[in-house]
C-alpha atoms as a PDB file:
ATOM      1  CA  PHE A   1      74.546 -94.672 -97.007  1.00  0.00           C
ATOM      2  CA  GLN A   2      71.538 -92.789 -95.706  1.00  0.00           C
ATOM      3  CA  HIS A   3      70.056 -89.659 -97.197  1.00  0.00           C
ATOM      4  CA  ARG A   4      67.097 -87.332 -96.714  1.00  0.00           C
ATOM      5  CA  TYR A   5      65.413 -85.220 -99.397  1.00  0.00           C
ATOM      6  CA  GLY A   6      66.752 -85.256-102.918  1.00  0.00           C
ATOM      7  CA  TYR A   7      66.418 -86.834-106.319  1.00  0.00           C
ATOM      8  CA  TYR A   8      67.200 -90.544-106.620  1.00  0.00           C
ATOM      9  CA  GLU A   9      67.396 -92.485-109.832  1.00  0.00           C
ATOM     10  CA  CYS A  10      68.611 -95.749-111.242  1.00  0.00           C
ATOM     11  CA  ARG A  11      68.999 -97.028-114.761  1.00  0.00           C
ATOM     12  CA  ALA A  12      68.110-100.689-115.015  1.00  0.00           C
ATOM     13  CA  ARG A  13      66.840-103.431-117.277  1.00  0.00           C
ATOM     14  CA  LEU A  14      63.956-105.404-115.813  1.00  0.00           C
ATOM     15  CA  GLN A  15      63.824-109.173-115.514  1.00  0.00           C
ATOM     16  CA  GLN A  16      63.020-111.068-118.700  1.00  0.00           C
ATOM     17  CA  LYS A  17      61.062-114.025-117.270  1.00  0.00           C
ATOM     18  CA  SER A  18      58.134-114.560-114.941  1.00  0.00           C
ATOM     19  CA  GLY A  19      58.738-115.434-111.325  1.00  0.00           C
ATOM     20  CA  TRP A  20      60.976-112.530-110.236  1.00  0.00           C
ATOM     21  CA  TRP A  21      60.250-109.427-108.168  1.00  0.00           C
ATOM     22  CA  SER A  22      62.682-106.581-108.885  1.00  0.00           C
ATOM     23  CA  ALA A  23      62.689-103.306-106.991  1.00  0.00           C
ATOM     24  CA  PHE A  24      64.363 -99.934-106.418  1.00  0.00           C
ATOM     25  CA  TRP A  25      63.328 -98.638-103.008  1.00  0.00           C
ATOM     26  CA  MET A  26      64.217 -96.768 -99.829  1.00  0.00           C
ATOM     27  CA  GLN A  27      63.666 -97.751 -96.211  1.00  0.00           C
ATOM     28  CA  SER A  28      64.042 -96.200 -92.790  1.00  0.00           C
ATOM     29  CA  GLU A  29      65.648 -98.092 -89.916  1.00  0.00           C
ATOM     30  CA  GLN A  30      62.875 -96.728 -87.681  1.00  0.00           C
ATOM     31  CA  GLN A  31      59.890 -97.435 -89.982  1.00  0.00           C
ATOM     32  CA  GLY A  32      56.959 -98.391 -87.786  1.00  0.00           C
ATOM     33  CA  CYS A  33      58.506 -97.348 -84.470  1.00  0.00           C
ATOM     34  CA  THR A  34      55.891 -94.586 -84.218  1.00  0.00           C
ATOM     35  CA  VAL A  35      52.700 -93.749 -86.097  1.00  0.00           C
ATOM     36  CA  ASP A  36      54.266 -90.471 -87.216  1.00  0.00           C
ATOM     37  CA  PRO A  37      56.049 -91.057 -90.552  1.00  0.00           C
ATOM     38  CA  SER A  38      57.867 -87.730 -90.243  1.00  0.00           C
ATOM     39  CA  LEU A  39      59.678 -89.253 -87.235  1.00  0.00           C
ATOM     40  CA  SER A  40      59.924 -92.928 -88.146  1.00  0.00           C
ATOM     41  CA  GLY A  41      60.010 -92.916 -91.949  1.00  0.00           C
ATOM     42  CA  ILE A  42      58.210 -94.530 -94.841  1.00  0.00           C
ATOM     43  CA  GLU A  43      59.096 -97.476 -97.069  1.00  0.00           C
ATOM     44  CA  HIS A  44      59.380 -95.860-100.512  1.00  0.00           C
ATOM     45  CA  ASP A  45      58.807 -98.485-103.230  1.00  0.00           C
ATOM     46  CA  ILE A  46      59.984 -96.338-106.134  1.00  0.00           C
ATOM     47  CA  MET A  47      59.977 -99.119-108.743  1.00  0.00           C
ATOM     48  CA  GLU A  48      58.579-102.630-108.447  1.00  0.00           C
ATOM     49  CA  SER A  49      58.187-105.147-111.248  1.00  0.00           C
ATOM     50  CA  PHE A  50      56.456-108.457-110.568  1.00  0.00           C
ATOM     51  CA  SER A  51      56.172-109.436-114.238  1.00  0.00           C
ATOM     52  CA  PRO A  52      58.445-108.856-117.246  1.00  0.00           C
ATOM     53  CA  GLY A  53      57.800-105.423-118.744  1.00  0.00           C
ATOM     54  CA  GLU A  54      55.254-104.390-116.109  1.00  0.00           C
ATOM     55  CA  LEU A  55      55.867-101.651-113.579  1.00  0.00           C
ATOM     56  CA  LEU A  56      53.521-101.250-110.625  1.00  0.00           C
ATOM     57  CA  PRO A  57      52.605 -97.822-109.234  1.00  0.00           C
ATOM     58  CA  ALA A  58      55.086 -96.572-106.627  1.00  0.00           C
ATOM     59  CA  CYS A  59      53.832 -97.637-103.206  1.00  0.00           C
ATOM     60  CA  PHE A  60      54.589 -96.003 -99.878  1.00  0.00           C
ATOM     61  CA  HIS A  61      54.134 -98.009 -96.655  1.00  0.00           C
ATOM     62  CA  TYR A  62      54.251 -96.610 -93.130  1.00  0.00           C
ATOM     63  CA  ASN A  63      53.224 -96.956 -89.478  1.00  0.00           C
ATOM     64  CA  GLY A  64      54.631-100.476 -89.381  1.00  0.00           C
ATOM     65  CA  TYR A  65      53.082-103.558 -90.921  1.00  0.00           C
ATOM     66  CA  GLY A  66      50.556-104.319 -88.187  1.00  0.00           C
ATOM     67  CA  PRO A  67      47.223-102.762 -87.159  1.00  0.00           C
ATOM     68  CA  ASN A  68      48.389 -99.148 -87.825  1.00  0.00           C
ATOM     69  CA  TYR A  69      49.643 -99.942 -91.333  1.00  0.00           C
ATOM     70  CA  THR A  70      48.937 -97.206 -93.895  1.00  0.00           C
ATOM     71  CA  SER A  71      49.895 -96.825 -97.562  1.00  0.00           C
ATOM     72  CA  PHE A  72      49.345 -94.761-100.683  1.00  0.00           C
ATOM     73  CA  ARG A  73      50.349 -95.069-104.340  1.00  0.00           C
ATOM     74  CA  LEU A  74      51.645 -92.788-107.066  1.00  0.00           C
ATOM     75  CA  PRO A  75      49.946 -92.527-109.442  1.00  0.00           C
ATOM     76  CA  ASP A  76      47.038 -92.642-107.015  1.00  0.00           C
ATOM     77  CA  CYS A  77      44.976 -95.795-107.495  1.00  0.00           C
ATOM     78  CA  PRO A  78      43.162 -98.303-105.275  1.00  0.00           C
ATOM     79  CA  LEU A  79      45.372-101.023-103.813  1.00  0.00           C
ATOM     80  CA  ASP A  80      43.337-103.716-105.553  1.00  0.00           C
ATOM     81  CA  GLU A  81      44.060-102.140-108.958  1.00  0.00           C
ATOM     82  CA  LEU A  82      47.566-102.839-110.182  1.00  0.00           C
ATOM     83  CA  SER A  83      47.500-100.210-112.976  1.00  0.00           C
ATOM     84  CA  ALA A  84      50.757-101.594-114.357  1.00  0.00           C
ATOM     85  CA  LEU A  85      52.772 -99.491-116.786  1.00  0.00           C
ATOM     86  CA  LYS A  86      53.977-101.552-119.760  1.00  0.00           C
ATOM     87  CA  LEU A  87      57.687-101.202-120.579  1.00  0.00           C
ATOM     88  CA  ASP A  88      60.019-102.920-123.028  1.00  0.00           C
ATOM     89  CA  GLU A  89      61.829-105.367-120.749  1.00  0.00           C
ATOM     90  CA  THR A  90      64.676-105.733-123.267  1.00  0.00           C
ATOM     91  CA  GLN A  91      65.650-102.045-122.873  1.00  0.00           C
ATOM     92  CA  TYR A  92      67.157-100.055-120.009  1.00  0.00           C
ATOM     93  CA  HIS A  93      64.869 -97.573-118.252  1.00  0.00           C
ATOM     94  CA  VAL A  94      65.532 -94.735-115.811  1.00  0.00           C
ATOM     95  CA  PHE A  95      63.450 -94.761-112.634  1.00  0.00           C
ATOM     96  CA  GLY A  96      63.448 -91.467-110.723  1.00  0.00           C
ATOM     97  CA  PHE A  97      62.173 -90.328-107.341  1.00  0.00           C
ATOM     98  CA  LEU A  98      62.037 -86.748-106.051  1.00  0.00           C
ATOM     99  CA  TRP A  99      61.633 -86.588-102.270  1.00  0.00           C
ATOM    100  CA  GLU A 100      60.919 -83.135-100.891  1.00  0.00           C
ATOM    101  CA  PRO A 101      59.735 -82.006 -97.432  1.00  0.00           C
ATOM    102  CA  ASP A 102      56.204 -81.517 -98.777  1.00  0.00           C
ATOM    103  CA  GLY A 103      55.774 -84.554-101.050  1.00  0.00           C
ATOM    104  CA  TYR A 104      57.030 -86.991-103.632  1.00  0.00           C
ATOM    105  CA  SER A 105      57.263 -87.262-107.416  1.00  0.00           C
ATOM    106  CA  VAL A 106      57.944 -90.483-109.327  1.00  0.00           C
ATOM    107  CA  TYR A 107      59.391 -90.572-112.858  1.00  0.00           C
ATOM    108  CA  VAL A 108      59.903 -93.240-115.518  1.00  0.00           C
ATOM    109  CA  ASP A 109      62.262 -92.417-118.385  1.00  0.00           C
ATOM    110  CA  GLY A 110      62.106 -88.708-117.519  1.00  0.00           C
ATOM    111  CA  ARG A 111      58.293 -88.540-117.515  1.00  0.00           C
ATOM    112  CA  LEU A 112      56.296 -87.744-114.403  1.00  0.00           C
ATOM    113  CA  ARG A 113      54.248 -90.796-113.422  1.00  0.00           C
ATOM    114  CA  GLY A 114      52.750 -89.546-110.177  1.00  0.00           C
ATOM    115  CA  LYS A 115      53.012 -86.790-107.597  1.00  0.00           C
ATOM    116  CA  GLY A 116      51.646 -86.390-104.084  1.00  0.00           C
ATOM    117  CA  GLY A 117      51.908 -87.702-100.575  1.00  0.00           C
ATOM    118  CA  LYS A 118      49.889 -86.461 -97.646  1.00  0.00           C
ATOM    119  CA  ASP A 119      52.459 -87.947 -95.262  1.00  0.00           C
ATOM    120  CA  VAL A 120      56.191 -87.530 -95.832  1.00  0.00           C
ATOM    121  CA  SER A 121      59.186 -89.111 -94.137  1.00  0.00           C
ATOM    122  CA  GLY A 122      61.361 -86.562 -92.381  1.00  0.00           C
ATOM    123  CA  ILE A 123      64.332 -88.776 -91.554  1.00  0.00           C
ATOM    124  CA  PRO A 124      67.275 -90.178 -93.543  1.00  0.00           C
ATOM    125  CA  GLN A 125      66.682 -93.488 -95.292  1.00  0.00           C
ATOM    126  CA  PHE A 126      68.859 -96.005 -97.109  1.00  0.00           C
ATOM    127  CA  VAL A 127      68.627 -96.957-100.797  1.00  0.00           C
ATOM    128  CA  LEU A 128      68.002-100.559-101.843  1.00  0.00           C
ATOM    129  CA  LEU A 129      68.014-102.481-105.112  1.00  0.00           C
ATOM    130  CA  SER A 130      66.694-106.002-104.861  1.00  0.00           C
ATOM    131  CA  THR A 131      65.429-108.969-106.779  1.00  0.00           C
ATOM    132  CA  GLU A 132      63.918-112.093-105.315  1.00  0.00           C
ATOM    133  CA  CYS A 133      61.630-114.942-106.214  1.00  0.00           C
ATOM    134  CA  LYS A 134      58.140-113.477-106.525  1.00  0.00           C
ATOM    135  CA  TRP A 135      55.896-114.564-103.636  1.00  0.00           C
ATOM    136  CA  TYR A 136      58.693-116.742-102.280  1.00  0.00           C
ATOM    137  CA  ARG A 137      56.778-117.000 -99.017  1.00  0.00           C
ATOM    138  CA  LYS A 138      53.183-116.780-100.260  1.00  0.00           C
ATOM    139  CA  ASN A 139      51.104-114.710-102.636  1.00  0.00           C
ATOM    140  CA  ARG A 140      50.000-111.647-100.643  1.00  0.00           C
ATOM    141  CA  MET A 141      46.819-111.358-102.702  1.00  0.00           C
ATOM    142  CA  THR A 142      45.613-114.977-102.562  1.00  0.00           C
ATOM    143  CA  GLY A 143      47.583-116.445 -99.628  1.00  0.00           C
ATOM    144  CA  GLU A 144      48.643-119.384-101.799  1.00  0.00           C
ATOM    145  CA  GLY A 145      52.171-120.737-102.047  1.00  0.00           C
ATOM    146  CA  VAL A 146      54.350-120.315-105.138  1.00  0.00           C
ATOM    147  CA  PRO A 147      54.098-123.141-107.674  1.00  0.00           C
ATOM    148  CA  ALA A 148      57.487-124.817-107.999  1.00  0.00           C
ATOM    149  CA  LEU A 149      57.290-124.610-111.802  1.00  0.00           C
ATOM    150  CA  GLU A 150      57.013-120.805-111.751  1.00  0.00           C
ATOM    151  CA  ALA A 151      60.171-120.486-109.660  1.00  0.00           C
ATOM    152  CA  ALA A 152      62.021-123.008-111.827  1.00  0.00           C
ATOM    153  CA  ALA A 153      61.008-121.215-115.046  1.00  0.00           C
ATOM    154  CA  ALA A 154      62.522-117.990-113.714  1.00  0.00           C
ATOM    155  CA  ALA A 155      66.006-119.440-113.238  1.00  0.00           C
ATOM    156  CA  ASN A 156      68.917-117.850-115.130  1.00  0.00           C
ATOM    157  CA  ASP A 157      67.330-114.408-115.397  1.00  0.00           C
ATOM    158  CA  GLU A 158      68.802-111.015-114.508  1.00  0.00           C
ATOM    159  CA  PHE A 159      67.733-107.634-113.147  1.00  0.00           C
ATOM    160  CA  ILE A 160      70.630-105.489-114.377  1.00  0.00           C
ATOM    161  CA  VAL A 161      71.350-102.137-112.737  1.00  0.00           C
ATOM    162  CA  ASP A 162      73.583 -99.847-114.778  1.00  0.00           C
ATOM    163  CA  TRP A 163      73.861 -97.028-112.224  1.00  0.00           C
ATOM    164  CA  VAL A 164      72.292 -95.311-109.219  1.00  0.00           C
ATOM    165  CA  ARG A 165      72.552 -91.577-108.625  1.00  0.00           C
ATOM    166  CA  VAL A 166      71.592 -89.422-105.652  1.00  0.00           C
ATOM    167  CA  TYR A 167      71.275 -85.638-105.838  1.00  0.00           C
ATOM    168  CA  ASP A 168      70.736 -83.173-103.012  1.00  0.00           C
ATOM    169  CA  VAL A 169      67.832 -80.770-103.203  1.00  0.00           C
ATOM    170  CA  VAL A 170      69.307 -77.270-103.336  1.00  0.00           C
ATOM    171  CA  ARG A 171      67.099 -74.495-102.052  1.00  0.00           C
END
């Protein structure tokens, strides 16, 4: 399923233990093929949680992952500042994303969290929900490997998705 422009949301309960990386995101098959995100798309990280009850700002990656890599966050903050939003990890939350031709808006539980985007994808993208061992390859910030105890402590946890909805933008 691929879609362009609309409102996307999921209702989910975040992981309960450390060691997991849960996400609701969108990706283009062509991301990075050009340095024009309107033609090759943007990775839309709508919701990412690296720690129980903590939600990172939405992050948008484009122009590939090499020397032309570019990104921005909503709410706008420096990449070295996590600015995590604290949520009750025992409750379900609704994560929303409005993608319009002129920008993006990100919502948590019906409240606007951030709006903007100087560059906007102009091509259809697919929706993803994922959870994986946090830093299963290496910690992107420090370059260090994951301690085996952290991964073991995270066993038997769940990222539960109740539903995902996609709405067209009607103009």
